[in-house]
């Protein structure tokens, strides 16, 4: 009986020792899932961190570097500072207006010469002052400077007659002088007409490079300020800003060079047409003098 009790106590003691020995293992196994969760979350956090760093780095890059290193005129304009953009837009508009002036004045001079040739042919066939006036006032030659000069001279002689003044004999020179004054008024209006647009071409040709240079200076100053703020002299960061600034000078030259060429070309055309009108004035006065001598 005593032996059974001893055996029972011994078995109970061994069971208790076995439970005590197995309790840490159970505790470790129970703690493993909780520890595994942070461990599994750590790689995800490590993976997300570079992506966030990459986005922050991309946001911190200068605008020029956000195009994958590929820069063209369009991206340079879009990334330029507002002041430089205004300069560029102004120069592009000035260039467009210069080309529009070229096309307009080419058409104007072509029409002037064509109608003037037709008028001179008809004018030289006139037999009297009245016929000269009728030809000059024809709708076919309306607006032509030579026709306007002939019409003004013929109208002045006719007005003198209607006023009861003598237009022949000893008053012939006075009549011709009044006719020349009327023609001079038409010539003055012709000079204003032909010179329209020339001042714009001259302004763009002389000031375009300096306006572009202003944009360049401003852009380069901004680039150097960026160098000072970022403490870097890396060409990949600095060069795009300087390229934008130089684009302004390029646009200034693009606007100025054609304007200077157009101005010189049309100045020559205006001088040539002015010489033609001077020759016609002499021819007109001779024709009026002949008709007055004939008593027409």
C-alpha atoms as a PDB file:
ATOM      1  CA  UNK A   1       0.000   0.000   0.000  1.00  0.00           C
ATOM      2  CA  UNK A   2       2.807   2.307   0.939  1.00  0.00           C
ATOM      3  CA  UNK A   3       4.659   1.422  -2.222  1.00  0.00           C
ATOM      4  CA  UNK A   4       1.628   2.314  -4.344  1.00  0.00           C
ATOM      5  CA  UNK A   5       1.410   5.712  -2.724  1.00  0.00           C
ATOM      6  CA  UNK A   6       5.082   6.289  -3.322  1.00  0.00           C
ATOM      7  CA  UNK A   7       4.725   5.292  -6.950  1.00  0.00           C
ATOM      8  CA  UNK A   8       1.749   7.609  -7.362  1.00  0.00           C
ATOM      9  CA  UNK A   9       3.633  10.526  -5.825  1.00  0.00           C
ATOM     10  CA  UNK A  10       6.637   9.826  -8.007  1.00  0.00           C
ATOM     11  CA  UNK A  11       4.496   9.741 -11.147  1.00  0.00           C
ATOM     12  CA  UNK A  12       2.810  13.026 -10.172  1.00  0.00           C
ATOM     13  CA  UNK A  13       6.189  14.637  -9.573  1.00  0.00           C
ATOM     14  CA  UNK A  14       7.513  13.485 -12.938  1.00  0.00           C
ATOM     15  CA  UNK A  15       4.334  14.760 -14.675  1.00  0.00           C
ATOM     16  CA  UNK A  16       4.723  18.161 -13.022  1.00  0.00           C
ATOM     17  CA  UNK A  17       8.364  18.358 -14.084  1.00  0.00           C
ATOM     18  CA  UNK A  18       7.396  17.423 -17.665  1.00  0.00           C
ATOM     19  CA  UNK A  19       4.780  20.180 -17.753  1.00  0.00           C
ATOM     20  CA  UNK A  20       7.237  22.733 -16.395  1.00  0.00           C
ATOM     21  CA  UNK A  21       9.803  21.709 -19.005  1.00  0.00           C
ATOM     22  CA  UNK A  22       7.320  21.978 -21.863  1.00  0.00           C
ATOM     23  CA  UNK A  23       5.807  25.368 -20.794  1.00  0.00           C
ATOM     24  CA  UNK A  24       8.666  27.565 -22.266  1.00  0.00           C
ATOM     25  CA  UNK A  25       8.365  25.775 -25.609  1.00  0.00           C
ATOM     26  CA  UNK A  26       4.661  26.463 -25.716  1.00  0.00           C
ATOM     27  CA  UNK A  27       5.257  30.079 -24.778  1.00  0.00           C
ATOM     28  CA  UNK A  28       7.899  30.436 -27.513  1.00  0.00           C
ATOM     29  CA  UNK A  29       5.581  28.876 -30.116  1.00  0.00           C
ATOM     30  CA  UNK A  30       2.771  31.219 -29.067  1.00  0.00           C
ATOM     31  CA  UNK A  31       5.050  34.257 -29.360  1.00  0.00           C
ATOM     32  CA  UNK A  32       6.367  33.285 -32.830  1.00  0.00           C
ATOM     33  CA  UNK A  33       3.229  34.465 -34.818  1.00  0.00           C
ATOM     34  CA  UNK A  34       3.265  37.829 -33.014  1.00  0.00           C
ATOM     35  CA  UNK A  35       6.964  38.285 -33.763  1.00  0.00           C
ATOM     36  CA  UNK A  36       6.492  37.119 -37.345  1.00  0.00           C
ATOM     37  CA  UNK A  37       4.025  39.941 -38.082  1.00  0.00           C
ATOM     38  CA  UNK A  38       6.560  42.790 -37.477  1.00  0.00           C
ATOM     39  CA  UNK A  39       9.198  40.772 -39.298  1.00  0.00           C
ATOM     40  CA  UNK A  40       6.919  40.411 -42.309  1.00  0.00           C
ATOM     41  CA  UNK A  41       6.007  44.099 -42.143  1.00  0.00           C
ATOM     42  CA  UNK A  42       9.650  45.161 -42.073  1.00  0.00           C
ATOM     43  CA  UNK A  43      10.475  44.137 -45.702  1.00  0.00           C
ATOM     44  CA  UNK A  44       7.331  45.892 -46.930  1.00  0.00           C
ATOM     45  CA  UNK A  45       8.369  49.039 -45.091  1.00  0.00           C
ATOM     46  CA  UNK A  46      11.883  48.730 -46.479  1.00  0.00           C
ATOM     47  CA  UNK A  47      10.441  48.317 -49.995  1.00  0.00           C
ATOM     48  CA  UNK A  48       8.139  51.313 -49.647  1.00  0.00           C
ATOM     49  CA  UNK A  49      10.890  53.530 -48.266  1.00  0.00           C
ATOM     50  CA  UNK A  50      13.004  53.612 -51.479  1.00  0.00           C
ATOM     51  CA  UNK A  51       9.893  54.327 -53.557  1.00  0.00           C
ATOM     52  CA  UNK A  52       8.973  57.248 -51.303  1.00  0.00           C
ATOM     53  CA  UNK A  53      12.584  58.457 -51.380  1.00  0.00           C
ATOM     54  CA  UNK A  54      12.573  58.207 -55.190  1.00  0.00           C
ATOM     55  CA  UNK A  55       9.390  60.263 -55.475  1.00  0.00           C
ATOM     56  CA  UNK A  56      10.740  62.873 -53.082  1.00  0.00           C
ATOM     57  CA  UNK A  57      13.995  63.022 -55.016  1.00  0.00           C
ATOM     58  CA  UNK A  58      12.131  63.419 -58.315  1.00  0.00           C
ATOM     59  CA  UNK A  59      10.081  66.222 -56.796  1.00  0.00           C
ATOM     60  CA  UNK A  60      13.261  67.936 -55.600  1.00  0.00           C
ATOM     61  CA  UNK A  61      14.839  67.858 -59.087  1.00  0.00           C
ATOM     62  CA  UNK A  62      14.885  71.064 -61.138  1.00  0.00           C
ATOM     63  CA  UNK A  63      12.103  71.237 -63.746  1.00  0.00           C
ATOM     64  CA  UNK A  64      14.647  70.696 -66.521  1.00  0.00           C
ATOM     65  CA  UNK A  65      15.690  67.330 -65.038  1.00  0.00           C
ATOM     66  CA  UNK A  66      12.143  65.986 -64.820  1.00  0.00           C
ATOM     67  CA  UNK A  67      12.034  65.271 -68.588  1.00  0.00           C
ATOM     68  CA  UNK A  68      14.317  62.299 -68.367  1.00  0.00           C
ATOM     69  CA  UNK A  69      17.321  64.341 -69.484  1.00  0.00           C
ATOM     70  CA  UNK A  70      15.715  65.034 -72.901  1.00  0.00           C
ATOM     71  CA  UNK A  71      15.504  68.763 -73.604  1.00  0.00           C
ATOM     72  CA  UNK A  72      14.198  70.531 -76.696  1.00  0.00           C
ATOM     73  CA  UNK A  73      12.950  73.995 -77.548  1.00  0.00           C
ATOM     74  CA  UNK A  74       9.445  73.191 -76.335  1.00  0.00           C
ATOM     75  CA  UNK A  75      10.529  71.930 -72.929  1.00  0.00           C
ATOM     76  CA  UNK A  76      12.976  74.813 -72.540  1.00  0.00           C
ATOM     77  CA  UNK A  77      10.168  77.283 -73.152  1.00  0.00           C
ATOM     78  CA  UNK A  78       7.789  75.514 -70.751  1.00  0.00           C
ATOM     79  CA  UNK A  79      10.421  75.348 -67.999  1.00  0.00           C
ATOM     80  CA  UNK A  80      11.586  78.947 -68.419  1.00  0.00           C
ATOM     81  CA  UNK A  81      10.892  81.588 -65.800  1.00  0.00           C
ATOM     82  CA  UNK A  82       7.864  83.870 -66.371  1.00  0.00           C
ATOM     83  CA  UNK A  83      10.005  86.886 -67.290  1.00  0.00           C
ATOM     84  CA  UNK A  84      11.949  84.874 -69.863  1.00  0.00           C
ATOM     85  CA  UNK A  85       8.689  83.448 -71.237  1.00  0.00           C
ATOM     86  CA  UNK A  86       7.293  86.943 -71.729  1.00  0.00           C
ATOM     87  CA  UNK A  87      10.451  87.945 -73.608  1.00  0.00           C
ATOM     88  CA  UNK A  88      10.261  84.855 -75.814  1.00  0.00           C
ATOM     89  CA  UNK A  89       6.565  85.324 -76.620  1.00  0.00           C
ATOM     90  CA  UNK A  90       7.126  88.992 -77.460  1.00  0.00           C
ATOM     91  CA  UNK A  91       9.983  88.169 -79.816  1.00  0.00           C
ATOM     92  CA  UNK A  92       8.005  85.426 -81.560  1.00  0.00           C
ATOM     93  CA  UNK A  93       5.069  87.812 -82.074  1.00  0.00           C
ATOM     94  CA  UNK A  94       7.434  90.489 -83.392  1.00  0.00           C
ATOM     95  CA  UNK A  95       8.865  87.985 -85.854  1.00  0.00           C
ATOM     96  CA  UNK A  96       5.384  86.978 -87.034  1.00  0.00           C
ATOM     97  CA  UNK A  97       4.396  90.622 -87.546  1.00  0.00           C
ATOM     98  CA  UNK A  98       7.604  91.202 -89.496  1.00  0.00           C
ATOM     99  CA  UNK A  99       6.777  88.388 -91.890  1.00  0.00           C
ATOM    100  CA  UNK A 100       3.204  89.664 -92.184  1.00  0.00           C
ATOM    101  CA  UNK A 101       4.575  93.115 -93.042  1.00  0.00           C
ATOM    102  CA  UNK A 102       6.786  91.526 -95.690  1.00  0.00           C
ATOM    103  CA  UNK A 103       3.857  89.804 -97.394  1.00  0.00           C
ATOM    104  CA  UNK A 104       1.637  92.894 -97.160  1.00  0.00           C
ATOM    105  CA  UNK A 105       4.172  95.272 -98.648  1.00  0.00           C
ATOM    106  CA  UNK A 106       5.208  92.841-101.359  1.00  0.00           C
ATOM    107  CA  UNK A 107       1.585  92.706-102.503  1.00  0.00           C
ATOM    108  CA  UNK A 108       1.311  96.498-102.200  1.00  0.00           C
ATOM    109  CA  UNK A 109       4.345  97.222-104.362  1.00  0.00           C
ATOM    110  CA  UNK A 110       3.352  94.612-106.921  1.00  0.00           C
ATOM    111  CA  UNK A 111      -0.047  96.256-107.292  1.00  0.00           C
ATOM    112  CA  UNK A 112       1.444  99.764-107.391  1.00  0.00           C
ATOM    113  CA  UNK A 113       3.811  98.959-110.218  1.00  0.00           C
ATOM    114  CA  UNK A 114       1.229  97.056-112.240  1.00  0.00           C
ATOM    115  CA  UNK A 115      -1.435  99.780-112.023  1.00  0.00           C
ATOM    116  CA  UNK A 116       1.144 102.544-112.537  1.00  0.00           C
ATOM    117  CA  UNK A 117       2.312 100.943-115.780  1.00  0.00           C
ATOM    118  CA  UNK A 118      -1.278 100.775-117.034  1.00  0.00           C
ATOM    119  CA  UNK A 119      -1.973 104.358-116.026  1.00  0.00           C
ATOM    120  CA  UNK A 120       1.133 105.763-117.707  1.00  0.00           C
ATOM    121  CA  UNK A 121       0.187 104.044-120.928  1.00  0.00           C
ATOM    122  CA  UNK A 122      -3.281 105.612-120.846  1.00  0.00           C
ATOM    123  CA  UNK A 123      -2.029 109.002-119.615  1.00  0.00           C
ATOM    124  CA  UNK A 124       0.463 109.411-122.424  1.00  0.00           C
ATOM    125  CA  UNK A 125      -2.345 109.000-124.933  1.00  0.00           C
ATOM    126  CA  UNK A 126      -4.390 111.929-123.517  1.00  0.00           C
ATOM    127  CA  UNK A 127      -4.903 114.881-125.902  1.00  0.00           C
ATOM    128  CA  UNK A 128      -6.181 117.533-123.468  1.00  0.00           C
ATOM    129  CA  UNK A 129      -6.285 118.493-119.784  1.00  0.00           C
ATOM    130  CA  UNK A 130      -9.869 117.338-119.509  1.00  0.00           C
ATOM    131  CA  UNK A 131      -8.956 113.962-120.936  1.00  0.00           C
ATOM    132  CA  UNK A 132      -6.032 113.713-118.489  1.00  0.00           C
ATOM    133  CA  UNK A 133      -8.393 114.394-115.598  1.00  0.00           C
ATOM    134  CA  UNK A 134     -10.927 111.893-116.887  1.00  0.00           C
ATOM    135  CA  UNK A 135      -8.319 109.148-117.211  1.00  0.00           C
ATOM    136  CA  UNK A 136      -6.842 109.919-113.794  1.00  0.00           C
ATOM    137  CA  UNK A 137     -10.248 109.743-112.123  1.00  0.00           C
ATOM    138  CA  UNK A 138     -11.140 106.436-113.770  1.00  0.00           C
ATOM    139  CA  UNK A 139     -12.113 103.579-111.444  1.00  0.00           C
ATOM    140  CA  UNK A 140      -9.426 101.429-113.051  1.00  0.00           C
ATOM    141  CA  UNK A 141      -6.725 103.640-111.477  1.00  0.00           C
ATOM    142  CA  UNK A 142      -8.450 104.509-108.220  1.00  0.00           C
ATOM    143  CA  UNK A 143      -5.962 104.784-105.358  1.00  0.00           C
ATOM    144  CA  UNK A 144      -2.902 104.810-107.605  1.00  0.00           C
ATOM    145  CA  UNK A 145      -0.472 107.593-106.576  1.00  0.00           C
ATOM    146  CA  UNK A 146       0.370 108.632-110.135  1.00  0.00           C
ATOM    147  CA  UNK A 147      -3.294 108.851-111.053  1.00  0.00           C
ATOM    148  CA  UNK A 148      -3.984 110.875-107.907  1.00  0.00           C
ATOM    149  CA  UNK A 149      -1.223 113.315-108.838  1.00  0.00           C
ATOM    150  CA  UNK A 150      -2.572 113.799-112.358  1.00  0.00           C
ATOM    151  CA  UNK A 151      -6.117 114.193-111.029  1.00  0.00           C
ATOM    152  CA  UNK A 152      -4.985 116.778-108.458  1.00  0.00           C
ATOM    153  CA  UNK A 153      -3.110 118.835-111.074  1.00  0.00           C
ATOM    154  CA  UNK A 154      -5.976 118.730-113.589  1.00  0.00           C
ATOM    155  CA  UNK A 155      -8.497 119.623-110.868  1.00  0.00           C
ATOM    156  CA  UNK A 156      -6.396 122.614-109.774  1.00  0.00           C
ATOM    157  CA  UNK A 157      -6.251 123.982-113.334  1.00  0.00           C
ATOM    158  CA  UNK A 158      -9.998 123.490-113.715  1.00  0.00           C
ATOM    159  CA  UNK A 159     -10.693 125.216-110.385  1.00  0.00           C
ATOM    160  CA  UNK A 160      -8.613 128.185-111.500  1.00  0.00           C
ATOM    161  CA  UNK A 161     -10.664 128.425-114.663  1.00  0.00           C
ATOM    162  CA  UNK A 162     -13.943 128.196-112.788  1.00  0.00           C
ATOM    163  CA  UNK A 163     -12.750 130.946-110.465  1.00  0.00           C
ATOM    164  CA  UNK A 164     -12.321 133.234-113.468  1.00  0.00           C
ATOM    165  CA  UNK A 165      -8.529 133.226-113.333  1.00  0.00           C
ATOM    166  CA  UNK A 166      -6.353 133.299-116.399  1.00  0.00           C
ATOM    167  CA  UNK A 167      -4.457 130.015-116.807  1.00  0.00           C
ATOM    168  CA  UNK A 168      -2.645 130.807-120.046  1.00  0.00           C
ATOM    169  CA  UNK A 169      -0.421 133.559-121.327  1.00  0.00           C
ATOM    170  CA  UNK A 170       1.319 135.555-118.643  1.00  0.00           C
ATOM    171  CA  UNK A 171      -0.495 133.597-115.888  1.00  0.00           C
ATOM    172  CA  UNK A 172       0.764 130.261-117.160  1.00  0.00           C
ATOM    173  CA  UNK A 173       3.643 129.985-114.658  1.00  0.00           C
ATOM    174  CA  UNK A 174       1.344 130.785-111.758  1.00  0.00           C
ATOM    175  CA  UNK A 175      -1.060 128.084-112.867  1.00  0.00           C
ATOM    176  CA  UNK A 176       1.744 125.532-113.127  1.00  0.00           C
ATOM    177  CA  UNK A 177       2.987 126.532-109.673  1.00  0.00           C
ATOM    178  CA  UNK A 178      -0.463 125.896-108.172  1.00  0.00           C
ATOM    179  CA  UNK A 179      -0.630 122.549-109.963  1.00  0.00           C
ATOM    180  CA  UNK A 180       2.786 121.601-108.544  1.00  0.00           C
ATOM    181  CA  UNK A 181       1.572 122.485-105.033  1.00  0.00           C
ATOM    182  CA  UNK A 182      -1.452 120.209-105.478  1.00  0.00           C
ATOM    183  CA  UNK A 183       0.811 117.402-106.692  1.00  0.00           C
ATOM    184  CA  UNK A 184       3.159 117.967-103.710  1.00  0.00           C
ATOM    185  CA  UNK A 185       0.295 117.350-101.292  1.00  0.00           C
ATOM    186  CA  UNK A 186      -0.374 114.000-102.970  1.00  0.00           C
ATOM    187  CA  UNK A 187       3.332 113.117-102.800  1.00  0.00           C
ATOM    188  CA  UNK A 188       3.391 113.807 -99.058  1.00  0.00           C
ATOM    189  CA  UNK A 189       0.506 111.418 -98.478  1.00  0.00           C
ATOM    190  CA  UNK A 190       2.244 108.861-100.711  1.00  0.00           C
ATOM    191  CA  UNK A 191       5.379 109.010 -98.558  1.00  0.00           C
ATOM    192  CA  UNK A 192       3.330 108.277 -95.439  1.00  0.00           C
ATOM    193  CA  UNK A 193       1.555 105.453 -97.221  1.00  0.00           C
ATOM    194  CA  UNK A 194       4.678 103.727 -98.484  1.00  0.00           C
ATOM    195  CA  UNK A 195       6.531 104.093 -95.170  1.00  0.00           C
ATOM    196  CA  UNK A 196       3.814 102.354 -93.166  1.00  0.00           C
ATOM    197  CA  UNK A 197       5.262  99.398 -91.285  1.00  0.00           C
ATOM    198  CA  UNK A 198       8.842 100.516 -91.844  1.00  0.00           C
ATOM    199  CA  UNK A 199       9.213 101.943 -88.352  1.00  0.00           C
ATOM    200  CA  UNK A 200       8.116  98.609 -86.871  1.00  0.00           C
ATOM    201  CA  UNK A 201      10.692  96.722 -88.937  1.00  0.00           C
ATOM    202  CA  UNK A 202      13.396  99.170 -87.899  1.00  0.00           C
ATOM    203  CA  UNK A 203      12.441  98.859 -84.215  1.00  0.00           C
ATOM    204  CA  UNK A 204      12.480  95.063 -84.270  1.00  0.00           C
ATOM    205  CA  UNK A 205      15.747  94.974 -86.201  1.00  0.00           C
ATOM    206  CA  UNK A 206      17.545  97.335 -83.839  1.00  0.00           C
ATOM    207  CA  UNK A 207      16.016  96.318 -80.496  1.00  0.00           C
ATOM    208  CA  UNK A 208      15.277  92.598 -80.952  1.00  0.00           C
ATOM    209  CA  UNK A 209      18.776  91.374 -80.001  1.00  0.00           C
ATOM    210  CA  UNK A 210      18.846  93.566 -76.899  1.00  0.00           C
ATOM    211  CA  UNK A 211      15.420  92.363 -75.781  1.00  0.00           C
ATOM    212  CA  UNK A 212      16.609  88.777 -76.221  1.00  0.00           C
ATOM    213  CA  UNK A 213      19.806  89.608 -74.348  1.00  0.00           C
ATOM    214  CA  UNK A 214      17.734  90.901 -71.443  1.00  0.00           C
ATOM    215  CA  UNK A 215      15.971  87.536 -71.236  1.00  0.00           C
ATOM    216  CA  UNK A 216      19.339  85.766 -71.403  1.00  0.00           C
ATOM    217  CA  UNK A 217      20.849  87.860 -68.607  1.00  0.00           C
ATOM    218  CA  UNK A 218      17.813  87.280 -66.418  1.00  0.00           C
ATOM    219  CA  UNK A 219      17.851  83.530 -67.074  1.00  0.00           C
ATOM    220  CA  UNK A 220      21.578  83.172 -66.370  1.00  0.00           C
ATOM    221  CA  UNK A 221      21.215  85.161 -63.148  1.00  0.00           C
ATOM    222  CA  UNK A 222      18.454  82.789 -62.076  1.00  0.00           C
ATOM    223  CA  UNK A 223      20.656  79.785 -62.924  1.00  0.00           C
ATOM    224  CA  UNK A 224      23.499  81.086 -60.789  1.00  0.00           C
ATOM    225  CA  UNK A 225      21.104  81.756 -57.942  1.00  0.00           C
ATOM    226  CA  UNK A 226      20.007  78.130 -58.260  1.00  0.00           C
ATOM    227  CA  UNK A 227      23.659  77.019 -58.095  1.00  0.00           C
ATOM    228  CA  UNK A 228      24.144  78.985 -54.893  1.00  0.00           C
ATOM    229  CA  UNK A 229      20.975  77.576 -53.330  1.00  0.00           C
ATOM    230  CA  UNK A 230      21.682  73.935 -54.229  1.00  0.00           C
ATOM    231  CA  UNK A 231      25.446  74.083 -53.625  1.00  0.00           C
ATOM    232  CA  UNK A 232      26.113  72.102 -56.786  1.00  0.00           C
ATOM    233  CA  UNK A 233      27.946  72.816 -60.017  1.00  0.00           C
ATOM    234  CA  UNK A 234      26.748  69.677 -61.789  1.00  0.00           C
ATOM    235  CA  UNK A 235      26.292  70.518 -65.471  1.00  0.00           C
ATOM    236  CA  UNK A 236      23.231  68.292 -65.646  1.00  0.00           C
ATOM    237  CA  UNK A 237      21.540  70.676 -63.222  1.00  0.00           C
ATOM    238  CA  UNK A 238      23.012  73.988 -64.409  1.00  0.00           C
ATOM    239  CA  UNK A 239      23.133  73.587 -68.203  1.00  0.00           C
ATOM    240  CA  UNK A 240      19.350  73.421 -68.898  1.00  0.00           C
ATOM    241  CA  UNK A 241      18.736  76.778 -67.216  1.00  0.00           C
ATOM    242  CA  UNK A 242      21.543  78.420 -69.171  1.00  0.00           C
ATOM    243  CA  UNK A 243      20.224  76.858 -72.399  1.00  0.00           C
ATOM    244  CA  UNK A 244      16.809  78.395 -71.703  1.00  0.00           C
ATOM    245  CA  UNK A 245      18.423  81.777 -71.216  1.00  0.00           C
ATOM    246  CA  UNK A 246      20.375  81.516 -74.455  1.00  0.00           C
ATOM    247  CA  UNK A 247      17.175  80.578 -76.279  1.00  0.00           C
ATOM    248  CA  UNK A 248      15.929  84.118 -75.622  1.00  0.00           C
ATOM    249  CA  UNK A 249      18.943  85.581 -77.435  1.00  0.00           C
ATOM    250  CA  UNK A 250      18.414  83.159 -80.282  1.00  0.00           C
ATOM    251  CA  UNK A 251      14.813  84.280 -80.643  1.00  0.00           C
ATOM    252  CA  UNK A 252      15.941  87.900 -80.551  1.00  0.00           C
ATOM    253  CA  UNK A 253      18.266  87.291 -83.481  1.00  0.00           C
ATOM    254  CA  UNK A 254      15.579  85.262 -85.234  1.00  0.00           C
ATOM    255  CA  UNK A 255      13.257  88.266 -85.070  1.00  0.00           C
ATOM    256  CA  UNK A 256      15.862  90.948 -85.770  1.00  0.00           C
ATOM    257  CA  UNK A 257      17.764  89.545 -88.754  1.00  0.00           C
ATOM    258  CA  UNK A 258      14.743  89.157 -91.088  1.00  0.00           C
ATOM    259  CA  UNK A 259      13.441  92.565 -89.984  1.00  0.00           C
ATOM    260  CA  UNK A 260      16.699  94.265 -90.954  1.00  0.00           C
ATOM    261  CA  UNK A 261      16.700  92.489 -94.317  1.00  0.00           C
ATOM    262  CA  UNK A 262      13.061  93.435 -94.966  1.00  0.00           C
ATOM    263  CA  UNK A 263      13.684  97.039 -93.934  1.00  0.00           C
ATOM    264  CA  UNK A 264      16.634  97.472 -96.293  1.00  0.00           C
ATOM    265  CA  UNK A 265      14.759  95.782 -99.133  1.00  0.00           C
ATOM    266  CA  UNK A 266      11.648  97.913 -98.807  1.00  0.00           C
ATOM    267  CA  UNK A 267      13.668 101.062 -98.271  1.00  0.00           C
ATOM    268  CA  UNK A 268      15.176 100.400-101.691  1.00  0.00           C
ATOM    269  CA  UNK A 269      11.745  99.786-103.196  1.00  0.00           C
ATOM    270  CA  UNK A 270      10.371 102.991-101.667  1.00  0.00           C
ATOM    271  CA  UNK A 271      13.301 105.005-102.975  1.00  0.00           C
ATOM    272  CA  UNK A 272      12.835 103.496-106.439  1.00  0.00           C
ATOM    273  CA  UNK A 273       9.123 104.289-106.492  1.00  0.00           C
ATOM    274  CA  UNK A 274       9.831 107.769-105.152  1.00  0.00           C
ATOM    275  CA  UNK A 275      12.212 108.363-108.040  1.00  0.00           C
ATOM    276  CA  UNK A 276       9.520 107.117-110.403  1.00  0.00           C
ATOM    277  CA  UNK A 277       7.007 109.602-109.004  1.00  0.00           C
ATOM    278  CA  UNK A 278       9.520 112.429-109.351  1.00  0.00           C
ATOM    279  CA  UNK A 279       9.958 111.539-112.996  1.00  0.00           C
ATOM    280  CA  UNK A 280       6.204 111.428-113.465  1.00  0.00           C
ATOM    281  CA  UNK A 281       5.778 114.851-111.840  1.00  0.00           C
ATOM    282  CA  UNK A 282       8.205 116.314-114.367  1.00  0.00           C
ATOM    283  CA  UNK A 283       6.351 114.576-117.188  1.00  0.00           C
ATOM    284  CA  UNK A 284       2.993 115.785-115.841  1.00  0.00           C
ATOM    285  CA  UNK A 285       4.124 119.408-115.569  1.00  0.00           C
ATOM    286  CA  UNK A 286       5.463 119.289-119.114  1.00  0.00           C
ATOM    287  CA  UNK A 287       2.150 117.915-120.370  1.00  0.00           C
ATOM    288  CA  UNK A 288       0.184 120.623-118.532  1.00  0.00           C
ATOM    289  CA  UNK A 289       2.533 123.301-119.855  1.00  0.00           C
ATOM    290  CA  UNK A 290       2.019 122.100-123.423  1.00  0.00           C
ATOM    291  CA  UNK A 291      -1.739 122.099-123.033  1.00  0.00           C
ATOM    292  CA  UNK A 292      -1.710 125.590-121.530  1.00  0.00           C
ATOM    293  CA  UNK A 293       0.461 126.855-124.370  1.00  0.00           C
ATOM    294  CA  UNK A 294      -2.080 125.442-126.783  1.00  0.00           C
ATOM    295  CA  UNK A 295      -4.825 127.189-124.853  1.00  0.00           C
ATOM    296  CA  UNK A 296      -6.479 123.926-123.875  1.00  0.00           C
END
